[in-house]
Structures are given as C-alpha cells and as structure tokens.
Amino acid sequence: MNSHVWGDGMKLRNRLKSIRHKYEMNQEQFAEFLGILSATYNQYETQRRQPNLIVAIQIAEKLRCDLPDIFYI
C-alpha cells in the first residue's frame, strides 16, 4: 500500500507546518514535542510520507486538536 494514501486512494494532506509555526518551533523541536523522529516529522510536513491512523491520532491528541483540524483530503 502506498504510504501517501488512506482509504480509497485519496491523498491525505496536512496543516502541520502552519500549526508548528503557531507553536514557534523549528521542525526538530516540534518533532520532539510530538514524540517522533525529526526525519519522520519532516517527511510528514513535506507530505513525502503520511502517518498511519494511530500516529495521526497521537499527533492530534498531543496538539489537543481533532483529526480534521490537522489532516484532510
């Protein structure tokens, strides 16, 4: 399965960069805050890789947001 799609082959997009800017953190700091590797976070933010549903939920919980506030199709 392609790591860039969820469900019916639709590409998942995200608002991670704009959220990170609101926190006034660089990618490395934000990745540490989220509890993920900075290289992995970079791939999420640049949309070269998508988190699986469990990781997406964990990110949303850490940011105290609903999934649609971060990830969308």
C-alpha atoms as a PDB file:
ATOM      1  CA  MET A   1       0.000   0.000   0.000  1.00  0.00           C
ATOM      2  CA  ASN A   2       1.250   3.454  -0.872  1.00  0.00           C
ATOM      3  CA  SER A   3       2.208   5.407   2.259  1.00  0.00           C
ATOM      4  CA  HIS A   4       0.716   8.592   0.776  1.00  0.00           C
ATOM      5  CA  VAL A   5      -2.884   7.430   0.709  1.00  0.00           C
ATOM      6  CA  TRP A   6      -5.629   6.487   3.102  1.00  0.00           C
ATOM      7  CA  GLY A   7      -8.872   4.780   2.300  1.00  0.00           C
ATOM      8  CA  ASP A   8      -9.888   4.822  -1.349  1.00  0.00           C
ATOM      9  CA  GLY A   9      -6.540   6.027  -2.678  1.00  0.00           C
ATOM     10  CA  MET A  10      -7.141   9.658  -1.769  1.00  0.00           C
ATOM     11  CA  LYS A  11      -4.062  11.641  -0.834  1.00  0.00           C
ATOM     12  CA  LEU A  12      -4.027  12.885   2.731  1.00  0.00           C
ATOM     13  CA  ARG A  13      -2.851  16.462   3.256  1.00  0.00           C
ATOM     14  CA  ASN A  14      -1.944  18.203   6.476  1.00  0.00           C
ATOM     15  CA  ARG A  15      -1.609  21.547   8.230  1.00  0.00           C
ATOM     16  CA  LEU A  16       1.426  20.579  10.297  1.00  0.00           C
ATOM     17  CA  LYS A  17       3.658  23.405   9.101  1.00  0.00           C
ATOM     18  CA  SER A  18       1.179  26.154   9.948  1.00  0.00           C
ATOM     19  CA  ILE A  19       0.460  24.538  13.325  1.00  0.00           C
ATOM     20  CA  ARG A  20       4.196  24.281  14.036  1.00  0.00           C
ATOM     21  CA  HIS A  21       4.630  27.968  13.240  1.00  0.00           C
ATOM     22  CA  LYS A  22       1.913  28.824  15.782  1.00  0.00           C
ATOM     23  CA  TYR A  23       3.987  26.987  18.379  1.00  0.00           C
ATOM     24  CA  GLU A  24       7.048  28.978  17.224  1.00  0.00           C
ATOM     25  CA  MET A  25       9.189  25.857  16.945  1.00  0.00           C
ATOM     26  CA  ASN A  26      11.545  24.545  14.305  1.00  0.00           C
ATOM     27  CA  GLN A  27      10.946  21.082  12.855  1.00  0.00           C
ATOM     28  CA  GLU A  28      13.326  19.357  15.265  1.00  0.00           C
ATOM     29  CA  GLN A  29      11.727  20.967  18.325  1.00  0.00           C
ATOM     30  CA  PHE A  30       8.223  20.201  17.110  1.00  0.00           C
ATOM     31  CA  ALA A  31       9.112  16.577  16.347  1.00  0.00           C
ATOM     32  CA  GLU A  32      10.497  16.179  19.861  1.00  0.00           C
ATOM     33  CA  PHE A  33       7.348  17.784  21.284  1.00  0.00           C
ATOM     34  CA  LEU A  34       5.247  15.282  19.302  1.00  0.00           C
ATOM     35  CA  GLY A  35       7.479  12.376  20.311  1.00  0.00           C
ATOM     36  CA  ILE A  36       8.570  11.388  16.812  1.00  0.00           C
ATOM     37  CA  LEU A  37      11.883  11.409  14.966  1.00  0.00           C
ATOM     38  CA  SER A  38      12.711  14.719  13.291  1.00  0.00           C
ATOM     39  CA  ALA A  39      13.347  12.986   9.939  1.00  0.00           C
ATOM     40  CA  THR A  40       9.920  11.347  10.123  1.00  0.00           C
ATOM     41  CA  TYR A  41       8.280  14.640  11.063  1.00  0.00           C
ATOM     42  CA  ASN A  42       9.991  16.352   8.129  1.00  0.00           C
ATOM     43  CA  GLN A  43       8.535  13.757   5.771  1.00  0.00           C
ATOM     44  CA  TYR A  44       5.057  14.290   7.259  1.00  0.00           C
ATOM     45  CA  GLU A  45       5.291  18.067   6.966  1.00  0.00           C
ATOM     46  CA  THR A  46       6.549  17.949   3.384  1.00  0.00           C
ATOM     47  CA  GLN A  47       3.965  15.264   2.595  1.00  0.00           C
ATOM     48  CA  ARG A  48       6.519  12.756   1.317  1.00  0.00           C
ATOM     49  CA  ARG A  49       5.175  10.324   3.916  1.00  0.00           C
ATOM     50  CA  GLN A  50       1.885  10.035   5.790  1.00  0.00           C
ATOM     51  CA  PRO A  51       1.382   8.856   9.361  1.00  0.00           C
ATOM     52  CA  ASN A  52      -0.703   5.782   9.900  1.00  0.00           C
ATOM     53  CA  LEU A  53      -4.025   6.332  11.656  1.00  0.00           C
ATOM     54  CA  ILE A  54      -2.672   5.531  15.118  1.00  0.00           C
ATOM     55  CA  VAL A  55       0.176   8.047  14.773  1.00  0.00           C
ATOM     56  CA  ALA A  56      -2.197  10.661  13.319  1.00  0.00           C
ATOM     57  CA  ILE A  57      -4.474  10.237  16.346  1.00  0.00           C
ATOM     58  CA  GLN A  58      -1.495  10.525  18.702  1.00  0.00           C
ATOM     59  CA  ILE A  59      -0.412  13.760  16.983  1.00  0.00           C
ATOM     60  CA  ALA A  60      -3.940  15.167  17.246  1.00  0.00           C
ATOM     61  CA  GLU A  61      -4.126  14.239  20.935  1.00  0.00           C
ATOM     62  CA  LYS A  62      -0.766  15.863  21.650  1.00  0.00           C
ATOM     63  CA  LEU A  63      -1.900  19.036  19.863  1.00  0.00           C
ATOM     64  CA  ARG A  64      -5.342  18.840  21.511  1.00  0.00           C
ATOM     65  CA  CYS A  65      -6.992  19.044  18.096  1.00  0.00           C
ATOM     66  CA  ASP A  66      -9.446  16.955  16.163  1.00  0.00           C
ATOM     67  CA  LEU A  67      -8.000  14.964  13.257  1.00  0.00           C
ATOM     68  CA  PRO A  68      -9.762  17.105  10.608  1.00  0.00           C
ATOM     69  CA  ASP A  69      -8.088  20.189  12.101  1.00  0.00           C
ATOM     70  CA  ILE A  70      -4.708  18.724  11.086  1.00  0.00           C
ATOM     71  CA  PHE A  71      -5.279  16.160   8.342  1.00  0.00           C
ATOM     72  CA  TYR A  72      -7.629  16.453   5.383  1.00  0.00           C
ATOM     73  CA  ILE A  73      -8.246  15.087   1.909  1.00  0.00           C
END
